[in-house]
């Protein structure tokens, strides 16, 4: 699920949440959970239902902060990496470890 401008919210169980990403694999789930917890968010994980046992397990990641929007926080440079740098779109998407402020390449 790419960054988008929409604020996606709903519920996991009885808890109201802001959805971060849906239908993601375990490695992506672990990365987002660690990054968001590092930035002070309470993270909820839900296992998505599988049609058969052969299909890979997918997950939904959400936070309990109802006003959190990952797109806004990333482009306003509010999220921090584990070593204190600012999270960029490429870092969020796990494309690059680079955190320079440019969002485009010349």
N, C-alpha and C. Protein backbone atom coordinates (compact mmCIF):
# COMPACT_ATOMS: atom_id res chain seq x y z
N UNK A 1 0.85 -1.17 0.00
CA UNK A 1 0.00 0.00 0.00
C UNK A 1 0.89 1.23 0.00
N UNK A 2 0.88 1.99 -1.04
CA UNK A 2 1.71 3.18 -1.15
C UNK A 2 1.13 4.30 -0.31
N UNK A 3 1.99 5.28 -0.03
CA UNK A 3 1.51 6.45 0.68
C UNK A 3 0.43 7.14 -0.13
N UNK A 4 -0.59 7.56 0.53
CA UNK A 4 -1.68 8.27 -0.13
C UNK A 4 -2.17 9.38 0.77
N UNK A 5 -2.99 10.25 0.25
CA UNK A 5 -3.46 11.37 1.04
C UNK A 5 -4.64 11.05 1.92
N UNK A 6 -5.31 9.91 1.68
CA UNK A 6 -6.50 9.58 2.45
C UNK A 6 -6.14 9.09 3.84
N UNK A 7 -6.98 9.47 4.79
CA UNK A 7 -6.84 9.02 6.16
C UNK A 7 -7.74 7.80 6.31
N UNK A 8 -7.15 6.63 6.38
CA UNK A 8 -7.91 5.38 6.45
C UNK A 8 -8.08 4.95 7.90
N UNK A 9 -9.30 4.89 8.34
CA UNK A 9 -9.54 4.50 9.73
C UNK A 9 -10.67 3.50 9.80
N UNK A 10 -10.74 2.83 10.93
CA UNK A 10 -11.74 1.79 11.14
C UNK A 10 -11.54 1.20 12.52
N UNK A 11 -11.67 -0.12 12.63
CA UNK A 11 -11.55 -0.76 13.94
C UNK A 11 -10.86 -2.11 13.79
N UNK A 12 -10.11 -2.45 14.81
CA UNK A 12 -9.57 -3.80 14.98
C UNK A 12 -10.14 -4.27 16.31
N UNK A 13 -11.01 -5.25 16.25
CA UNK A 13 -11.75 -5.65 17.44
C UNK A 13 -12.66 -4.50 17.85
N UNK A 14 -12.57 -4.10 19.11
CA UNK A 14 -13.36 -2.97 19.60
C UNK A 14 -12.57 -1.67 19.60
N UNK A 15 -11.32 -1.70 19.16
CA UNK A 15 -10.44 -0.53 19.20
C UNK A 15 -10.50 0.25 17.90
N UNK A 16 -10.81 1.54 17.97
CA UNK A 16 -10.77 2.41 16.79
C UNK A 16 -9.31 2.66 16.44
N UNK A 17 -8.99 2.61 15.14
CA UNK A 17 -7.60 2.72 14.71
C UNK A 17 -7.50 3.50 13.41
N UNK A 18 -6.28 3.97 13.15
CA UNK A 18 -5.90 4.48 11.84
C UNK A 18 -5.10 3.38 11.17
N UNK A 19 -5.55 2.94 10.00
CA UNK A 19 -4.83 1.90 9.28
C UNK A 19 -3.58 2.49 8.63
N UNK A 20 -2.48 1.77 8.76
CA UNK A 20 -1.22 2.18 8.15
C UNK A 20 -1.05 1.46 6.82
N UNK A 21 -1.07 0.15 6.83
CA UNK A 21 -1.01 -0.65 5.60
C UNK A 21 -1.78 -1.94 5.82
N UNK A 22 -2.37 -2.42 4.73
CA UNK A 22 -3.14 -3.66 4.77
C UNK A 22 -2.53 -4.66 3.79
N UNK A 23 -2.76 -5.94 4.07
CA UNK A 23 -2.32 -7.04 3.21
C UNK A 23 -0.81 -6.98 2.93
N UNK A 24 -0.03 -6.91 4.01
CA UNK A 24 1.43 -6.86 3.88
C UNK A 24 2.03 -8.13 4.46
N UNK A 25 3.25 -8.42 4.04
CA UNK A 25 3.95 -9.62 4.50
C UNK A 25 4.61 -9.37 5.85
N UNK A 26 5.11 -10.44 6.45
CA UNK A 26 5.64 -10.37 7.81
C UNK A 26 6.83 -9.42 7.96
N UNK A 27 7.75 -9.42 7.01
CA UNK A 27 8.91 -8.54 7.10
C UNK A 27 8.52 -7.07 7.11
N UNK A 28 7.59 -6.70 6.25
CA UNK A 28 7.10 -5.33 6.20
C UNK A 28 6.37 -4.97 7.49
N UNK A 29 5.57 -5.91 8.00
CA UNK A 29 4.84 -5.71 9.26
C UNK A 29 5.81 -5.43 10.41
N UNK A 30 6.88 -6.22 10.48
CA UNK A 30 7.86 -6.05 11.55
C UNK A 30 8.56 -4.70 11.45
N UNK A 31 8.93 -4.29 10.23
CA UNK A 31 9.59 -2.99 10.03
C UNK A 31 8.68 -1.85 10.49
N UNK A 32 7.43 -1.85 10.03
CA UNK A 32 6.51 -0.77 10.39
C UNK A 32 6.21 -0.76 11.88
N UNK A 33 6.05 -1.92 12.47
CA UNK A 33 5.76 -2.00 13.91
C UNK A 33 6.91 -1.40 14.71
N UNK A 34 8.13 -1.77 14.40
CA UNK A 34 9.29 -1.25 15.12
C UNK A 34 9.44 0.25 14.92
N UNK A 35 9.28 0.71 13.67
CA UNK A 35 9.45 2.14 13.37
C UNK A 35 8.38 2.97 14.08
N UNK A 36 7.14 2.54 14.02
CA UNK A 36 6.06 3.32 14.64
C UNK A 36 6.16 3.29 16.16
N UNK A 37 6.51 2.16 16.74
CA UNK A 37 6.69 2.10 18.20
C UNK A 37 7.86 2.97 18.63
N UNK A 38 8.92 3.00 17.83
CA UNK A 38 10.07 3.86 18.11
C UNK A 38 9.64 5.33 18.15
N UNK A 39 8.64 5.70 17.35
CA UNK A 39 8.15 7.07 17.30
C UNK A 39 6.99 7.32 18.27
N UNK A 40 6.73 6.38 19.17
CA UNK A 40 5.80 6.61 20.26
C UNK A 40 4.35 6.22 19.99
N UNK A 41 4.08 5.47 18.94
CA UNK A 41 2.71 5.06 18.63
C UNK A 41 2.42 3.68 19.19
N UNK A 42 1.17 3.47 19.60
CA UNK A 42 0.72 2.15 19.99
C UNK A 42 0.26 1.44 18.72
N UNK A 43 0.88 0.32 18.40
CA UNK A 43 0.63 -0.38 17.14
C UNK A 43 -0.22 -1.63 17.40
N UNK A 44 -1.22 -1.83 16.55
CA UNK A 44 -2.03 -3.05 16.59
C UNK A 44 -1.83 -3.80 15.28
N UNK A 45 -1.70 -5.11 15.39
CA UNK A 45 -1.50 -5.98 14.22
C UNK A 45 -2.68 -6.94 14.14
N UNK A 46 -3.20 -7.10 12.94
CA UNK A 46 -4.27 -8.07 12.73
C UNK A 46 -3.85 -9.02 11.61
N UNK A 47 -3.98 -10.31 11.86
CA UNK A 47 -3.71 -11.30 10.82
C UNK A 47 -4.90 -11.34 9.88
N UNK A 48 -4.65 -11.18 8.58
CA UNK A 48 -5.72 -11.26 7.60
C UNK A 48 -6.10 -12.72 7.39
N UNK A 49 -7.35 -12.94 7.07
CA UNK A 49 -7.82 -14.32 6.82
C UNK A 49 -7.27 -14.83 5.51
N UNK A 50 -6.90 -16.12 5.53
CA UNK A 50 -6.39 -16.77 4.33
C UNK A 50 -7.46 -17.69 3.77
N UNK A 51 -7.51 -17.81 2.45
CA UNK A 51 -8.47 -18.72 1.82
C UNK A 51 -8.04 -20.17 1.99
N UNK A 52 -6.71 -20.39 2.02
CA UNK A 52 -6.19 -21.73 2.21
C UNK A 52 -4.88 -21.66 2.98
N UNK A 53 -4.45 -22.78 3.51
CA UNK A 53 -3.21 -22.84 4.28
C UNK A 53 -1.98 -22.62 3.41
N UNK A 54 -2.10 -22.82 2.10
CA UNK A 54 -0.97 -22.66 1.20
C UNK A 54 -0.63 -21.18 0.95
N UNK A 55 -1.60 -20.31 1.09
CA UNK A 55 -1.37 -18.88 0.87
C UNK A 55 -0.52 -18.30 2.00
N UNK A 56 0.32 -17.32 1.68
CA UNK A 56 1.13 -16.70 2.74
C UNK A 56 0.24 -15.90 3.70
N UNK A 57 0.68 -15.82 4.95
CA UNK A 57 -0.06 -15.03 5.95
C UNK A 57 0.20 -13.55 5.68
N UNK A 58 -0.84 -12.77 5.57
CA UNK A 58 -0.73 -11.33 5.39
C UNK A 58 -1.29 -10.63 6.62
N UNK A 59 -0.89 -9.36 6.81
CA UNK A 59 -1.22 -8.63 8.02
C UNK A 59 -1.75 -7.24 7.71
N UNK A 60 -2.49 -6.69 8.68
CA UNK A 60 -2.91 -5.30 8.67
C UNK A 60 -2.24 -4.62 9.85
N UNK A 61 -1.60 -3.47 9.60
CA UNK A 61 -0.94 -2.70 10.65
C UNK A 61 -1.73 -1.43 10.87
N UNK A 62 -1.97 -1.10 12.15
CA UNK A 62 -2.73 0.09 12.49
C UNK A 62 -2.17 0.70 13.77
N UNK A 63 -2.49 1.97 14.00
CA UNK A 63 -2.12 2.65 15.24
C UNK A 63 -3.39 3.15 15.92
N UNK A 64 -3.32 3.33 17.23
CA UNK A 64 -4.49 3.79 17.98
C UNK A 64 -4.67 5.30 17.92
N UNK A 65 -3.71 6.03 17.40
CA UNK A 65 -3.81 7.48 17.26
C UNK A 65 -4.71 7.79 16.06
N UNK A 66 -5.90 8.29 16.31
CA UNK A 66 -6.89 8.50 15.25
C UNK A 66 -6.57 9.67 14.32
N UNK A 67 -5.63 10.55 14.69
CA UNK A 67 -5.30 11.67 13.81
C UNK A 67 -4.01 11.45 13.04
N UNK A 68 -3.33 10.32 13.27
CA UNK A 68 -2.08 10.05 12.58
C UNK A 68 -2.33 9.73 11.11
N UNK A 69 -1.61 10.41 10.24
CA UNK A 69 -1.65 10.15 8.80
C UNK A 69 -0.19 9.99 8.37
N UNK A 70 0.24 8.80 7.95
CA UNK A 70 1.65 8.60 7.63
C UNK A 70 2.17 9.53 6.54
N UNK A 71 1.36 9.84 5.55
CA UNK A 71 1.81 10.73 4.47
C UNK A 71 2.17 12.10 5.02
N UNK A 72 1.33 12.65 5.83
CA UNK A 72 1.59 13.98 6.41
C UNK A 72 2.83 13.94 7.29
N UNK A 73 2.92 12.93 8.15
CA UNK A 73 4.07 12.86 9.05
C UNK A 73 5.38 12.67 8.31
N UNK A 74 5.38 11.94 7.21
CA UNK A 74 6.62 11.73 6.46
C UNK A 74 7.04 13.00 5.74
N UNK A 75 6.11 13.65 5.05
CA UNK A 75 6.48 14.84 4.29
C UNK A 75 6.69 16.06 5.18
N UNK A 76 6.16 16.06 6.39
CA UNK A 76 6.48 17.11 7.35
C UNK A 76 7.72 16.76 8.17
N UNK A 77 8.31 15.60 7.87
CA UNK A 77 9.56 15.15 8.47
C UNK A 77 9.47 15.00 9.99
N UNK A 78 8.34 14.45 10.46
CA UNK A 78 8.12 14.27 11.89
C UNK A 78 8.58 12.90 12.40
N UNK A 79 8.61 11.90 11.54
CA UNK A 79 9.02 10.56 11.96
C UNK A 79 10.54 10.45 11.98
N UNK A 80 11.07 9.74 12.95
CA UNK A 80 12.51 9.57 13.09
C UNK A 80 12.89 8.11 12.86
N UNK A 81 14.07 7.93 12.26
CA UNK A 81 14.62 6.58 12.09
C UNK A 81 15.17 6.11 13.43
N UNK A 82 15.65 4.90 13.48
CA UNK A 82 16.17 4.33 14.71
C UNK A 82 17.43 5.04 15.18
N UNK A 83 18.15 5.68 14.26
CA UNK A 83 19.36 6.41 14.64
C UNK A 83 19.14 7.93 14.65
N UNK A 84 17.89 8.39 14.66
CA UNK A 84 17.59 9.80 14.84
C UNK A 84 17.45 10.63 13.58
N UNK A 85 17.65 10.03 12.40
CA UNK A 85 17.46 10.79 11.16
C UNK A 85 15.98 10.89 10.85
N UNK A 86 15.63 11.75 9.92
CA UNK A 86 14.23 11.93 9.55
C UNK A 86 13.84 10.94 8.46
N UNK A 87 12.66 10.33 8.62
CA UNK A 87 12.16 9.33 7.68
C UNK A 87 11.73 10.00 6.38
N UNK A 88 12.19 9.46 5.26
CA UNK A 88 11.75 9.93 3.95
C UNK A 88 10.80 8.89 3.34
N UNK A 89 10.22 9.24 2.21
CA UNK A 89 9.31 8.32 1.54
C UNK A 89 10.03 7.03 1.14
N UNK A 90 11.24 7.14 0.61
CA UNK A 90 11.99 5.94 0.23
C UNK A 90 12.34 5.08 1.44
N UNK A 91 12.67 5.71 2.57
CA UNK A 91 12.96 4.95 3.79
C UNK A 91 11.69 4.22 4.25
N UNK A 92 10.57 4.92 4.27
CA UNK A 92 9.29 4.34 4.67
C UNK A 92 8.94 3.13 3.81
N UNK A 93 9.15 3.26 2.49
CA UNK A 93 8.83 2.19 1.56
C UNK A 93 9.91 1.12 1.49
N UNK A 94 10.96 1.25 2.27
CA UNK A 94 12.08 0.32 2.33
C UNK A 94 12.78 0.18 0.98
N UNK A 95 12.85 1.30 0.25
CA UNK A 95 13.54 1.34 -1.03
C UNK A 95 15.00 1.71 -0.81
N UNK A 96 15.25 2.59 0.18
CA UNK A 96 16.59 3.10 0.42
C UNK A 96 16.75 3.45 1.89
N UNK A 97 17.98 3.38 2.36
CA UNK A 97 18.31 3.84 3.71
C UNK A 97 18.63 5.33 3.71
N UNK A 98 18.69 5.94 2.53
CA UNK A 98 19.01 7.36 2.38
C UNK A 98 17.91 8.21 3.00
N UNK A 99 18.29 9.22 3.76
CA UNK A 99 17.30 10.09 4.38
C UNK A 99 17.55 11.56 4.07
N UNK A 100 18.23 11.84 2.96
CA UNK A 100 18.42 13.23 2.54
C UNK A 100 17.06 13.85 2.26
N UNK A 101 16.91 15.15 2.41
CA UNK A 101 15.58 15.76 2.29
C UNK A 101 15.03 15.85 0.87
N UNK A 102 15.79 15.55 -0.15
CA UNK A 102 15.27 15.64 -1.51
C UNK A 102 14.34 14.48 -1.80
N UNK A 103 13.21 14.78 -2.43
CA UNK A 103 12.26 13.74 -2.78
C UNK A 103 12.31 13.42 -4.26
N UNK A 104 13.26 14.00 -4.95
CA UNK A 104 13.41 13.77 -6.37
C UNK A 104 14.91 13.72 -6.69
N UNK A 105 15.26 13.17 -7.80
CA UNK A 105 16.65 13.11 -8.22
C UNK A 105 16.82 13.95 -9.48
N UNK A 106 17.89 14.71 -9.54
CA UNK A 106 18.14 15.57 -10.71
C UNK A 106 18.70 14.77 -11.86
